[in-house]
Amino acid sequence: MTEKLTDKQALFAVIQALGGDWDTQRAVLGLRVAGHDKADDDATAKAARGALRALTEDGLIERPDPGQAVYRLA
């Protein structure tokens, strides 16, 4: 049986594949494309923000400007 990726793993795979800058809106779209859509838009946005923060803590992505919630590959 294949295990489903976590939101963080799925988002990182999409970020790696597409590159560029990632904000919450683009991360929501990335999660949806990866099949990680939640019950409503707010829940999906919350999951996206959490995944972005977790990936930043892991050093996989970075926030070049601390004043903006925009991320890119580290």
Protein backbone atom coordinates (compact mmCIF):
# COMPACT_ATOMS: atom_id res chain seq x y z
CA MET A 1 0.00 0.00 0.00
CA THR A 2 1.24 3.49 -0.87
CA GLU A 3 1.24 6.04 1.92
CA LYS A 4 -0.20 9.47 1.18
CA LEU A 5 2.22 12.35 1.41
CA THR A 6 1.78 14.91 4.17
CA ASP A 7 0.80 18.45 3.20
CA LYS A 8 4.40 19.51 3.78
CA GLN A 9 5.83 16.75 1.58
CA ALA A 10 3.30 17.37 -1.19
CA LEU A 11 3.88 21.12 -1.18
CA PHE A 12 7.64 20.72 -1.22
CA ALA A 13 7.42 18.39 -4.21
CA VAL A 14 5.36 20.99 -6.09
CA ILE A 15 7.74 23.81 -5.09
CA GLN A 16 10.72 21.75 -6.28
CA ALA A 17 9.02 20.98 -9.58
CA LEU A 18 7.90 24.53 -10.34
CA GLY A 19 10.40 26.74 -8.49
CA GLY A 20 9.87 30.47 -8.20
CA ASP A 21 8.27 32.50 -5.44
CA TRP A 22 5.52 31.03 -3.25
CA ASP A 23 2.94 32.90 -1.23
CA THR A 24 -0.10 31.45 0.53
CA GLN A 25 -2.30 31.70 -2.55
CA ARG A 26 0.14 29.81 -4.77
CA ALA A 27 0.75 27.24 -2.00
CA VAL A 28 -3.02 26.64 -1.76
CA LEU A 29 -3.11 25.99 -5.50
CA GLY A 30 -0.10 23.68 -5.16
CA LEU A 31 -1.79 21.66 -2.43
CA ARG A 32 -4.99 21.38 -4.46
CA VAL A 33 -3.10 20.18 -7.53
CA ALA A 34 -1.36 17.60 -5.35
CA GLY A 35 -4.74 16.35 -4.10
CA HIS A 36 -4.51 17.91 -0.65
CA ASP A 37 -7.61 20.11 -0.81
CA LYS A 38 -9.35 20.54 2.54
CA ALA A 39 -13.02 20.96 3.44
CA ASP A 40 -13.03 24.70 2.69
CA ASP A 41 -10.78 27.50 1.44
CA ASP A 42 -9.84 28.65 4.95
CA ALA A 43 -8.73 25.16 5.98
CA THR A 44 -6.66 24.77 2.82
CA ALA A 45 -5.03 28.19 3.37
CA LYS A 46 -4.25 27.29 6.99
CA ALA A 47 -2.64 24.00 5.88
CA ALA A 48 -0.64 25.86 3.22
CA ARG A 49 0.69 28.42 5.70
CA GLY A 50 1.60 25.66 8.14
CA ALA A 51 3.42 23.70 5.45
CA LEU A 52 5.31 26.83 4.32
CA ARG A 53 6.39 27.54 7.92
CA ALA A 54 7.43 23.91 8.47
CA LEU A 55 9.47 23.85 5.26
CA THR A 56 11.17 27.09 6.35
CA GLU A 57 12.00 25.60 9.76
CA ASP A 58 13.49 22.55 7.99
CA GLY A 59 15.68 24.86 5.89
CA LEU A 60 14.18 23.68 2.59
CA ILE A 61 12.68 27.04 1.65
CA GLU A 62 13.44 30.57 2.81
CA ARG A 63 11.81 33.98 3.20
CA PRO A 64 14.21 36.37 1.46
CA ASP A 65 12.33 39.39 2.87
CA PRO A 66 11.18 38.87 6.47
CA GLY A 67 8.55 41.58 5.94
CA GLN A 68 6.72 39.55 3.30
CA ALA A 69 5.21 36.07 3.43
CA VAL A 70 6.88 35.02 0.18
CA TYR A 71 9.10 31.95 0.05
CA ARG A 72 11.50 30.29 -2.39
CA LEU A 73 13.80 27.29 -2.45
CA ALA A 74 16.76 27.68 -0.11
